[in-house]
Protein backbone atom coordinates (compact mmCIF):
# COMPACT_ATOMS: atom_id res chain seq x y z
CA MET A 1 40.60 -2.29 -5.85
CA LYS A 2 39.72 -5.95 -6.34
CA VAL A 3 41.87 -8.30 -4.27
CA LEU A 4 41.96 -12.08 -4.51
CA LEU A 5 43.52 -13.83 -1.52
CA VAL A 6 44.91 -17.25 -2.51
CA TYR A 7 46.10 -20.05 -0.25
CA PRO A 8 48.08 -22.60 -2.30
CA ARG A 9 47.59 -26.35 -2.19
CA ILE A 10 49.22 -28.35 0.59
CA PRO A 11 50.51 -31.71 -0.69
CA GLU A 12 49.41 -34.93 0.94
CA THR A 13 51.07 -35.18 4.35
CA PHE A 14 50.19 -36.60 7.75
CA TRP A 15 48.91 -33.09 8.62
CA SER A 16 46.70 -32.77 5.53
CA PHE A 17 44.19 -35.34 6.88
CA LYS A 18 43.06 -35.75 3.26
CA HIS A 19 41.77 -39.31 3.60
CA ALA A 20 40.16 -38.74 7.01
CA LEU A 21 38.24 -35.63 5.98
CA ARG A 22 36.22 -37.57 3.43
CA PHE A 23 34.49 -39.42 6.26
CA ALA A 24 33.35 -36.12 7.77
CA SER A 25 32.37 -34.51 4.44
CA ARG A 26 35.02 -31.83 4.91
CA LYS A 27 37.46 -30.63 2.26
CA THR A 28 40.40 -29.51 4.37
CA ALA A 29 41.46 -29.30 8.00
CA PHE A 30 42.43 -25.69 8.79
CA PRO A 31 41.45 -22.31 7.31
CA PRO A 32 44.14 -19.87 6.08
CA LEU A 33 44.17 -17.76 9.26
CA GLY A 34 47.01 -15.51 8.10
CA LEU A 35 45.23 -14.51 4.89
CA LEU A 36 41.97 -13.89 6.74
CA THR A 37 43.83 -11.63 9.19
CA VAL A 38 45.54 -9.76 6.34
CA ALA A 39 42.14 -9.36 4.66
CA ALA A 40 40.92 -7.56 7.79
CA MET A 41 43.86 -5.14 7.52
CA LEU A 42 43.06 -4.12 3.95
CA PRO A 43 40.96 -1.02 3.24
CA PRO A 44 37.29 -1.83 3.92
CA GLU A 45 36.18 -0.32 0.59
CA TRP A 46 38.25 -2.85 -1.41
CA GLU A 47 36.44 -5.86 -2.85
CA LYS A 48 37.88 -9.10 -1.47
CA LYS A 49 37.55 -12.77 -2.37
CA LEU A 50 39.29 -15.80 -0.87
CA VAL A 51 40.29 -18.97 -2.71
CA ASP A 52 41.69 -21.73 -0.53
CA MET A 53 43.00 -24.17 -3.13
CA ASN A 54 42.72 -26.98 -0.58
CA ALA A 55 38.95 -26.49 -0.56
CA THR A 56 38.11 -25.15 -4.02
CA ARG A 57 39.60 -24.64 -7.47
CA LEU A 58 41.39 -21.46 -8.55
CA ARG A 59 39.70 -20.49 -11.81
CA ASP A 60 41.08 -18.31 -14.57
CA ASP A 61 38.04 -16.06 -14.11
CA ASP A 62 39.17 -15.41 -10.53
CA LEU A 63 42.54 -14.18 -11.79
CA ARG A 64 40.96 -12.06 -14.52
CA TRP A 65 38.68 -10.43 -11.91
CA ALA A 66 41.50 -9.44 -9.57
CA ASP A 67 43.65 -6.32 -9.67
CA TYR A 68 46.01 -7.91 -7.15
CA VAL A 69 46.49 -11.47 -5.89
CA PHE A 70 47.74 -11.88 -2.31
CA ILE A 71 49.48 -15.23 -1.71
CA SER A 72 50.48 -16.61 1.68
CA ALA A 73 52.50 -19.83 1.78
CA MET A 74 54.63 -22.18 3.85
CA VAL A 75 57.63 -23.97 2.38
CA VAL A 76 55.62 -27.16 1.93
CA GLN A 77 53.35 -25.22 -0.47
CA GLN A 78 56.21 -24.07 -2.69
CA GLU A 79 55.18 -25.88 -5.88
CA SER A 80 51.59 -24.68 -5.76
CA ALA A 81 52.65 -21.13 -4.83
CA LYS A 82 55.00 -20.92 -7.83
CA GLU A 83 52.24 -22.24 -10.08
CA VAL A 84 49.79 -19.59 -8.83
CA ALA A 85 52.30 -16.77 -9.29
CA GLY A 86 53.07 -18.00 -12.80
CA ARG A 87 49.38 -18.05 -13.72
CA CYS A 88 49.00 -14.51 -12.40
CA LYS A 89 51.91 -13.33 -14.54
CA ALA A 90 50.31 -14.89 -17.61
CA PHE A 91 47.17 -12.84 -16.97
CA GLY A 92 49.07 -9.68 -16.10
CA THR A 93 47.73 -9.73 -12.54
CA ARG A 94 50.12 -8.37 -9.95
CA VAL A 95 51.17 -10.58 -7.05
CA VAL A 96 51.75 -9.67 -3.40
CA ALA A 97 53.29 -12.54 -1.40
CA GLY A 98 54.00 -13.12 2.27
CA GLY A 99 54.13 -15.81 4.91
CA PRO A 100 56.86 -18.17 6.18
CA MET A 101 58.10 -19.11 2.68
CA TYR A 102 58.78 -15.56 1.55
CA ARG A 103 61.82 -14.59 3.58
CA ASP A 104 65.60 -14.67 3.64
CA GLY A 105 67.08 -18.05 2.78
CA TYR A 106 64.31 -19.30 0.52
CA ALA A 107 64.99 -17.25 -2.63
CA GLU A 108 66.00 -20.44 -4.44
CA LEU A 109 62.36 -21.53 -4.30
CA GLY A 110 61.65 -18.98 -7.01
CA PHE A 111 60.09 -15.59 -6.34
CA GLU A 112 60.61 -14.16 -9.85
CA ASP A 113 56.87 -13.85 -10.54
CA VAL A 114 56.19 -11.98 -7.27
CA ASP A 115 55.76 -8.22 -7.71
CA HIS A 116 55.71 -7.22 -4.04
CA MET A 117 57.05 -9.28 -1.15
CA ILE A 118 55.99 -8.75 2.47
CA VAL A 119 58.78 -10.15 4.66
CA GLY A 120 57.92 -10.44 8.32
CA GLU A 121 54.75 -9.78 10.28
CA ALA A 122 52.00 -7.95 8.42
CA GLU A 123 51.07 -5.61 11.30
CA ASN A 124 54.48 -3.92 10.88
CA VAL A 125 54.99 -4.09 7.14
CA LEU A 126 51.63 -3.99 5.38
CA PRO A 127 50.63 -0.38 6.26
CA GLN A 128 53.67 1.09 4.47
CA PHE A 129 53.04 -1.07 1.41
CA LEU A 130 49.39 0.03 1.27
CA LEU A 131 50.42 3.68 1.59
CA ASP A 132 52.99 3.36 -1.20
CA LEU A 133 50.51 1.47 -3.34
CA GLU A 134 48.01 4.30 -2.95
CA ASN A 135 50.70 6.79 -3.95
CA GLY A 136 51.82 4.73 -6.94
CA CYS A 137 55.34 4.03 -5.65
CA ALA A 138 55.14 0.50 -4.22
CA ALA A 139 58.55 -1.19 -3.86
CA HIS A 140 59.45 -4.82 -4.54
CA VAL A 141 60.31 -5.84 -0.96
CA TYR A 142 58.98 -4.63 2.39
CA SER A 143 60.48 -5.95 5.60
CA SER A 144 60.97 -5.09 9.25
CA ASP A 145 63.01 -6.67 12.03
CA GLU A 146 60.74 -5.19 14.69
CA ARG A 147 58.25 -7.36 16.54
CA PRO A 148 54.81 -5.75 16.36
CA ASP A 149 52.51 -5.46 19.32
CA ILE A 150 49.82 -7.93 18.28
CA GLU A 151 47.27 -6.08 20.35
CA SER A 152 46.84 -4.17 17.09
CA SER A 153 45.94 -7.31 15.16
CA PRO A 154 42.32 -7.33 13.96
CA VAL A 155 39.66 -10.04 14.11
CA PRO A 156 40.07 -12.22 10.99
CA LEU A 157 37.58 -11.58 8.19
CA TRP A 158 35.56 -14.78 8.62
CA SER A 159 32.86 -13.55 6.23
CA LEU A 160 35.17 -14.55 3.33
CA LEU A 161 35.15 -18.18 4.42
CA ASN A 162 32.76 -21.08 3.82
CA SER A 163 33.24 -22.78 7.19
CA ARG A 164 31.49 -25.95 6.02
CA ASN A 165 34.66 -26.85 4.11
CA TYR A 166 36.75 -27.09 7.29
CA GLU A 167 37.20 -29.52 10.13
CA MET A 168 38.30 -26.85 12.60
CA MET A 169 38.67 -23.10 12.88
CA SER A 170 41.79 -21.26 14.08
CA LEU A 171 42.70 -18.50 16.52
CA GLN A 172 46.05 -17.04 17.48
CA TYR A 173 46.58 -15.75 21.01
CA SER A 174 50.37 -15.35 21.08
CA ARG A 175 53.49 -15.34 18.93
CA GLY A 176 56.98 -16.36 19.94
CA CYS A 177 58.58 -19.04 22.09
CA PRO A 178 60.92 -18.59 25.08
CA TYR A 179 63.09 -21.56 24.07
CA ASN A 180 65.84 -21.90 21.46
CA CYS A 181 65.81 -25.35 19.89
CA GLU A 182 68.66 -25.57 17.38
CA PHE A 183 66.50 -26.74 14.46
CA CYS A 184 63.53 -24.40 14.96
CA ASP A 185 62.95 -21.20 13.01
CA ILE A 186 59.99 -20.02 15.10
CA VAL A 187 62.18 -17.64 17.10
CA ILE A 188 63.63 -16.24 13.85
CA MET A 189 60.14 -15.40 12.61
CA ASN A 190 58.41 -14.54 15.89
CA GLY A 191 61.06 -13.99 18.55
CA HIS A 192 61.87 -15.37 21.99
CA VAL A 193 59.55 -13.18 24.04
CA PRO A 194 55.93 -14.32 23.67
CA ARG A 195 53.73 -11.44 22.53
CA THR A 196 50.10 -11.87 23.46
CA LYS A 197 46.70 -10.50 22.59
CA THR A 198 44.43 -9.10 25.26
CA ARG A 199 41.60 -10.98 26.89
CA GLU A 200 39.17 -8.74 25.01
CA GLN A 201 40.77 -9.62 21.66
CA VAL A 202 40.60 -13.35 22.32
CA LEU A 203 36.95 -13.17 23.39
CA ALA A 204 36.12 -10.98 20.38
CA GLU A 205 37.59 -13.62 18.06
CA LEU A 206 35.61 -16.35 19.80
CA ASP A 207 32.48 -14.23 19.54
CA ALA A 208 33.14 -13.79 15.81
CA LEU A 209 33.42 -17.54 15.28
CA TYR A 210 30.32 -18.15 17.35
CA ALA A 211 28.39 -15.52 15.37
CA HIS A 212 29.64 -17.18 12.17
CA SER A 213 27.66 -20.24 13.40
CA TRP A 214 30.76 -22.30 14.03
CA ARG A 215 30.39 -25.14 16.55
CA GLY A 216 33.22 -27.59 17.00
CA ASN A 217 37.01 -27.62 17.16
CA VAL A 218 39.12 -24.46 17.41
CA PHE A 219 42.91 -24.59 17.04
CA PHE A 220 44.97 -22.04 18.99
CA THR A 221 47.86 -21.76 16.51
CA ASP A 222 50.37 -20.37 19.02
CA ASP A 223 54.03 -21.33 18.74
CA ASN A 224 53.93 -22.26 22.43
CA PHE A 225 50.59 -21.57 24.10
CA ILE A 226 52.11 -21.67 27.60
CA GLY A 227 54.99 -19.29 26.83
CA ASN A 228 53.51 -16.81 29.33
CA LYS A 229 52.01 -19.01 32.04
CA HIS A 230 51.22 -16.19 34.45
CA LYS A 231 48.98 -14.32 32.04
CA LEU A 232 47.25 -17.54 31.03
CA LYS A 233 46.46 -18.54 34.60
CA THR A 234 45.44 -15.14 35.91
CA ASP A 235 43.69 -13.62 32.91
CA ILE A 236 43.12 -15.54 29.66
CA LEU A 237 42.08 -18.99 30.87
CA PRO A 238 39.65 -17.77 33.58
CA ALA A 239 37.99 -15.62 30.89
CA LEU A 240 37.84 -18.62 28.54
CA VAL A 241 36.32 -20.78 31.27
CA GLU A 242 33.61 -18.19 31.91
CA TRP A 243 32.95 -17.67 28.18
CA SER A 244 32.71 -21.40 27.48
CA HIS A 245 30.51 -22.20 30.46
CA ALA A 246 28.10 -19.37 29.62
CA ARG A 247 27.60 -20.83 26.11
CA ARG A 248 27.54 -24.50 27.15
CA HIS A 249 30.93 -25.30 25.62
CA PRO A 250 30.34 -24.73 21.89
CA PHE A 251 34.04 -25.24 21.09
CA SER A 252 36.70 -27.81 21.85
CA PHE A 253 40.18 -26.33 21.89
CA PHE A 254 43.49 -27.71 20.63
CA THR A 255 46.92 -26.07 20.83
CA GLU A 256 50.70 -26.53 20.90
CA ALA A 257 52.77 -26.39 24.08
CA SER A 258 56.08 -27.49 25.55
CA VAL A 259 56.15 -30.66 27.65
CA ASN A 260 56.65 -28.72 30.90
CA LEU A 261 52.90 -28.19 30.80
CA ALA A 262 52.88 -31.46 32.75
CA ASP A 263 54.61 -29.71 35.66
CA ASP A 264 51.80 -27.22 36.28
CA GLU A 265 48.68 -28.75 37.82
CA GLU A 266 46.74 -25.50 37.93
CA LEU A 267 47.48 -24.69 34.30
CA MET A 268 46.31 -28.11 33.09
CA ARG A 269 43.12 -27.88 35.15
CA LEU A 270 42.28 -24.44 33.82
CA MET A 271 42.92 -25.49 30.23
CA VAL A 272 40.62 -28.48 30.53
CA ASP A 273 37.93 -26.41 32.28
CA ALA A 274 38.12 -23.94 29.38
CA GLY A 275 37.58 -26.72 26.85
CA PHE A 276 41.05 -27.84 25.78
CA ASN A 277 41.08 -31.56 25.07
CA MET A 278 44.19 -31.93 22.92
CA VAL A 279 47.74 -30.55 22.84
CA PHE A 280 50.62 -31.03 20.42
CA VAL A 281 54.00 -31.44 22.14
CA GLY A 282 57.43 -31.51 20.54
CA ILE A 283 58.97 -34.65 22.02
CA GLU A 284 61.61 -34.93 19.27
CA SER A 285 63.61 -37.85 20.65
CA PRO A 286 63.78 -40.33 23.55
CA ASN A 287 67.59 -40.10 23.28
CA GLU A 288 68.96 -37.67 25.88
CA GLU A 289 72.14 -36.98 23.91
CA SER A 290 70.10 -35.88 20.88
CA LEU A 291 67.94 -33.59 23.03
CA VAL A 292 71.02 -31.90 24.49
CA GLU A 293 72.54 -31.58 21.01
CA CYS A 294 69.51 -29.67 19.70
CA ASN A 295 69.14 -27.60 22.90
CA LYS A 296 65.72 -29.07 23.71
CA MET A 297 66.44 -28.58 27.39
CA THR A 298 62.79 -28.58 28.51
CA ASN A 299 62.73 -32.28 27.57
CA THR A 300 65.92 -33.36 29.31
CA SER A 301 66.30 -34.75 32.84
CA ARG A 302 62.68 -35.86 32.99
CA ASP A 303 60.61 -38.98 32.45
CA LEU A 304 59.04 -37.98 29.14
CA ILE A 305 56.58 -40.87 29.10
CA GLU A 306 55.32 -39.98 32.56
CA SER A 307 54.99 -36.32 31.53
CA VAL A 308 52.83 -37.37 28.58
CA LYS A 309 50.68 -39.61 30.73
CA THR A 310 50.23 -36.83 33.30
CA ILE A 311 48.74 -34.59 30.61
CA GLN A 312 46.55 -37.46 29.37
CA ARG A 313 45.26 -38.16 32.87
CA HIS A 314 44.22 -34.52 33.18
CA GLY A 315 41.94 -34.83 30.16
CA MET A 316 44.04 -33.86 27.13
CA GLN A 317 45.11 -36.10 24.30
CA VAL A 318 48.80 -35.59 23.50
CA GLN A 319 49.90 -35.43 19.90
CA GLY A 320 53.65 -35.62 19.47
CA GLY A 321 56.35 -34.40 17.11
CA PHE A 322 59.39 -36.66 16.62
CA ILE A 323 62.62 -36.20 14.66
CA VAL A 324 65.24 -38.65 13.43
CA GLY A 325 68.62 -37.68 12.01
CA PHE A 326 70.37 -35.95 14.92
CA ASP A 327 74.14 -36.39 15.12
CA GLY A 328 73.67 -38.01 18.51
CA ASP A 329 71.20 -40.61 17.27
CA PRO A 330 72.60 -44.14 17.78
CA PRO A 331 71.84 -46.96 15.30
CA SER A 332 69.07 -48.12 17.65
CA ILE A 333 67.19 -44.78 17.46
CA PHE A 334 64.52 -46.04 15.10
CA ARG A 335 63.55 -48.91 17.39
CA SER A 336 63.74 -46.55 20.39
CA GLN A 337 61.37 -44.09 18.72
CA ILE A 338 58.86 -46.87 17.99
CA ASP A 339 59.06 -48.19 21.57
CA PHE A 340 58.64 -44.72 23.07
CA ILE A 341 55.65 -43.88 20.90
CA GLN A 342 53.94 -47.16 21.77
CA LYS A 343 54.54 -46.91 25.52
CA SER A 344 53.49 -43.25 25.71
CA GLY A 345 50.12 -43.79 24.02
CA ILE A 346 50.76 -40.86 21.68
CA VAL A 347 48.32 -41.96 19.01
CA THR A 348 49.13 -39.14 16.59
CA ALA A 349 52.91 -39.29 16.32
CA MET A 350 54.27 -37.01 13.58
CA VAL A 351 57.72 -38.33 12.71
CA GLY A 352 59.98 -36.36 10.40
CA VAL A 353 63.58 -36.28 9.21
CA LEU A 354 65.73 -33.47 10.64
CA MET A 355 65.78 -30.32 8.50
CA ALA A 356 67.94 -27.20 8.86
CA PRO A 357 65.77 -24.15 8.06
CA PRO A 358 67.78 -21.14 6.86
CA GLY A 359 68.89 -18.84 9.65
CA THR A 360 68.61 -21.39 12.45
CA PRO A 361 71.58 -22.27 14.67
CA LEU A 362 71.50 -25.75 13.11
CA TYR A 363 71.77 -24.29 9.61
CA LYS A 364 74.72 -22.10 10.61
CA ARG A 365 76.51 -24.99 12.33
CA LEU A 366 76.09 -27.41 9.44
CA GLU A 367 77.00 -24.72 6.91
CA ALA A 368 80.28 -24.19 8.76
CA GLU A 369 80.85 -27.95 8.72
CA GLY A 370 80.07 -28.22 5.00
CA ARG A 371 77.13 -30.52 5.69
CA LEU A 372 74.29 -28.79 3.87
CA GLN A 373 72.88 -30.04 0.60
CA PRO A 374 70.11 -28.94 -1.76
CA GLY A 375 66.67 -30.31 -1.01
CA GLY A 376 64.13 -30.48 1.75
CA THR A 377 60.53 -29.91 0.78
CA GLY A 378 59.08 -29.21 4.21
CA ASN A 379 56.85 -32.25 3.69
CA ASN A 380 57.00 -34.57 6.68
CA THR A 381 56.30 -37.70 4.63
CA ASP A 382 58.90 -37.85 1.87
CA GLY A 383 62.00 -38.29 4.02
CA SER A 384 63.73 -35.37 2.30
CA THR A 385 66.31 -33.23 4.07
CA ASN A 386 68.88 -30.55 3.36
CA ILE A 387 71.46 -31.94 5.78
CA VAL A 388 74.19 -34.54 5.34
CA PRO A 389 73.47 -36.87 8.28
CA LYS A 390 76.31 -38.51 10.18
CA MET A 391 74.61 -41.92 9.96
CA GLY A 392 74.36 -41.63 6.18
CA LEU A 393 71.34 -40.57 4.14
CA GLU A 394 70.42 -44.06 2.98
CA LYS A 395 70.36 -45.42 6.53
CA LEU A 396 68.40 -42.41 7.79
CA THR A 397 65.69 -42.60 5.15
CA ALA A 398 65.36 -46.38 5.55
CA GLY A 399 65.03 -45.97 9.33
CA TYR A 400 62.47 -43.20 8.93
CA LYS A 401 60.43 -45.44 6.64
CA GLN A 402 60.66 -48.24 9.21
CA VAL A 403 59.33 -46.00 11.99
CA VAL A 404 56.29 -44.62 10.14
CA SER A 405 55.34 -47.93 8.51
CA THR A 406 55.49 -49.66 11.92
CA ILE A 407 53.67 -47.16 14.12
CA TYR A 408 50.85 -46.73 11.59
CA SER A 409 50.37 -50.42 10.90
CA PRO A 410 46.91 -51.42 12.27
CA ARG A 411 48.25 -53.62 15.07
CA TYR A 412 50.61 -50.99 16.46
CA TYR A 413 48.14 -48.16 15.92
CA TYR A 414 45.21 -49.71 17.78
CA GLU A 415 47.49 -50.97 20.52
CA ARG A 416 48.49 -47.35 21.02
CA VAL A 417 44.87 -46.18 20.98
CA ARG A 418 44.11 -48.60 23.79
CA THR A 419 47.18 -47.47 25.77
CA PHE A 420 46.00 -43.87 25.48
CA MET A 421 42.37 -44.64 26.31
CA ALA A 422 43.36 -46.57 29.43
CA GLU A 423 45.23 -43.52 30.75
CA TYR A 424 42.91 -40.77 29.49
CA GLN A 425 40.49 -39.18 31.93
CA PRO A 426 37.89 -37.19 29.96
CA SER A 427 36.68 -33.94 31.45
CA ARG A 428 33.16 -33.66 32.77
CA THR A 429 32.29 -31.33 29.89
CA LEU A 430 33.13 -33.95 27.24
CA ARG A 431 30.01 -34.70 25.26
CA GLY A 432 29.30 -37.23 22.59
CA ASN A 433 28.85 -35.95 19.06
CA TYR A 434 25.79 -37.58 17.54
CA SER A 435 25.01 -35.11 14.78
CA PRO A 436 23.87 -36.44 11.39
CA ARG A 437 27.35 -35.74 10.03
CA TYR A 438 28.89 -37.78 12.83
CA ILE A 439 26.46 -40.68 12.27
CA ARG A 440 27.34 -40.74 8.57
CA ALA A 441 31.04 -40.71 9.44
CA LEU A 442 30.48 -43.54 11.93
CA PHE A 443 28.90 -45.83 9.33
CA ARG A 444 31.49 -44.92 6.71
CA CYS A 445 34.20 -45.75 9.24
CA MET A 446 32.63 -49.10 10.16
CA TRP A 447 32.37 -50.04 6.48
CA THR A 448 35.71 -48.71 5.21
CA VAL A 449 37.93 -49.42 8.21
CA GLY A 450 35.99 -52.29 9.78
CA VAL A 451 35.12 -54.27 6.65
CA LYS A 452 37.17 -53.27 3.61
CA ARG A 453 40.60 -52.51 5.08
CA ARG A 454 43.49 -54.63 6.21
CA GLY A 455 43.61 -54.57 10.00
CA ARG A 456 39.84 -54.72 10.49
CA THR A 457 40.27 -57.23 13.33
CA ASP A 458 42.36 -54.68 15.24
CA PHE A 459 39.67 -52.05 14.63
CA TRP A 460 36.86 -54.24 16.01
CA LYS A 461 38.91 -55.24 19.05
CA GLY A 462 39.47 -51.55 19.83
CA PHE A 463 35.80 -50.81 19.11
CA ALA A 464 34.63 -53.43 21.61
CA TRP A 465 37.19 -52.48 24.25
CA THR A 466 36.11 -48.82 24.11
CA VAL A 467 32.39 -49.63 24.29
CA PHE A 468 32.85 -51.77 27.41
CA ASN A 469 35.64 -49.86 29.17
CA LYS A 470 35.44 -46.18 28.10
CA PRO A 471 31.98 -45.65 26.56
CA ARG A 472 32.19 -41.84 26.96
CA CYS A 473 35.24 -41.94 24.70
CA PHE A 474 33.50 -43.80 21.88
CA PRO A 475 33.22 -40.74 19.58
CA MET A 476 36.92 -40.12 20.17
CA PHE A 477 37.71 -43.73 19.25
CA ILE A 478 35.85 -43.35 15.95
CA SER A 479 37.72 -40.12 15.27
CA LEU A 480 41.05 -41.83 15.96
CA ALA A 481 40.08 -44.77 13.74
CA VAL A 482 39.32 -42.39 10.87
CA GLN A 483 42.61 -40.56 11.43
CA GLY A 484 44.39 -43.91 11.56
CA TYR A 485 43.00 -44.74 8.13
CA HIS A 486 44.54 -41.51 6.81
CA TYR A 487 47.90 -42.16 8.49
CA GLN A 488 48.04 -45.69 7.08
CA MET A 489 47.32 -44.42 3.57
CA VAL A 490 50.03 -41.76 3.84
CA ALA A 491 52.56 -44.05 5.56
CA ALA A 492 52.22 -46.57 2.74
CA HIS A 493 53.84 -44.01 0.42
CA ALA A 494 56.12 -42.27 2.93
CA GLY A 495 59.80 -41.98 2.25
CA PRO A 496 61.83 -41.04 -0.81
CA GLU A 497 60.62 -41.98 -4.27
């Protein structure tokens, strides 16, 4: 059997980092971890190839070679996924599809060219499909409501990947989140009870990346990394600390967590000792009424700005997710979001319009109220949504555009960088990156951002401030400047056409 694993194109978004990656001579940010894990579950005697369309072109010869094409996609990849499936059909190549897009509620995206659909987590569903395929009786849809024990999940098949195309590698330690935010479909896909891998599995995956000659950033893709704090503090993080120290910290770690991370001093210390220097937190809104509305109770009754700064002072940059379009949002919400983002020093602030994914409590509530509409691409830059907002769609999209164009203007952006740097306390293991690739990126940044671009004065002010006040953070400043260039390019075109 010849199997081609295809990861469709991701359109330009804040998360694509398309414009920033050019400085670092990288083609895309993250590898397709799900496909690489599925590849490791397939029979070892099968021939396997991977095409990540964000890093390389999908050729007709690839499709002619394959007996089966496995596609994994998120909703934001819907156009590319449909195109790939259509090309496969033209060549008579059978398609197996899975991932977050291929599940109940998204049939309108068009699955007509998919021969076999894997709905749910592969550890549960894939073995039966492979058995039926071997016996010549494979069905159209395979699904399971059970949550698999991910201690059975294998080490991803990194040998299929050209790591030089990527800015960071990925690893998943847990699935699931203990919370129930109204707009979030994580618990629909992965459940409320966090399921975790063993210490031995995590270390084996780190060993595999290390043996694959990777040195650099590693993203723990968990829905909420701190969903099981006890296991982290007593088992996983101490093992990570030991592993990292023994190898002189070859990786820097990044993950996603709820804001109550700020309440646990020991947990933050262990994470930083292990090598975590960045965490994405869902802030959503500075408006308490909106947080209560969406059941984001971990964020209520607390000083959110102080929580962010606490994490920063412990040595982790905080990236933040923000949403506009809640029923409880007052007319002033757009200005409030801007003010909060600036005061918090959250340099990377991903702002999106509220969406109602199928199956979520929000979807069910708005469906009952007759407030759903077609649309919503999953792209966090086009202002699209499938809800009918109480404030009116025109006002919502205009306010969204105001927020992103303001926070990613050079003056606001570099003001925020300085706010963050003033609070940030780098760990003792933080080292400067002075590789040839970094030096090239540095000079490209100085020329493109510091000479050619609007806002160069703001760049040079931040450059000088960092050199004189936080010299150990200089590589981080350059990285943020490069990211800022990407955000400014994307923000210039954000909002509806």
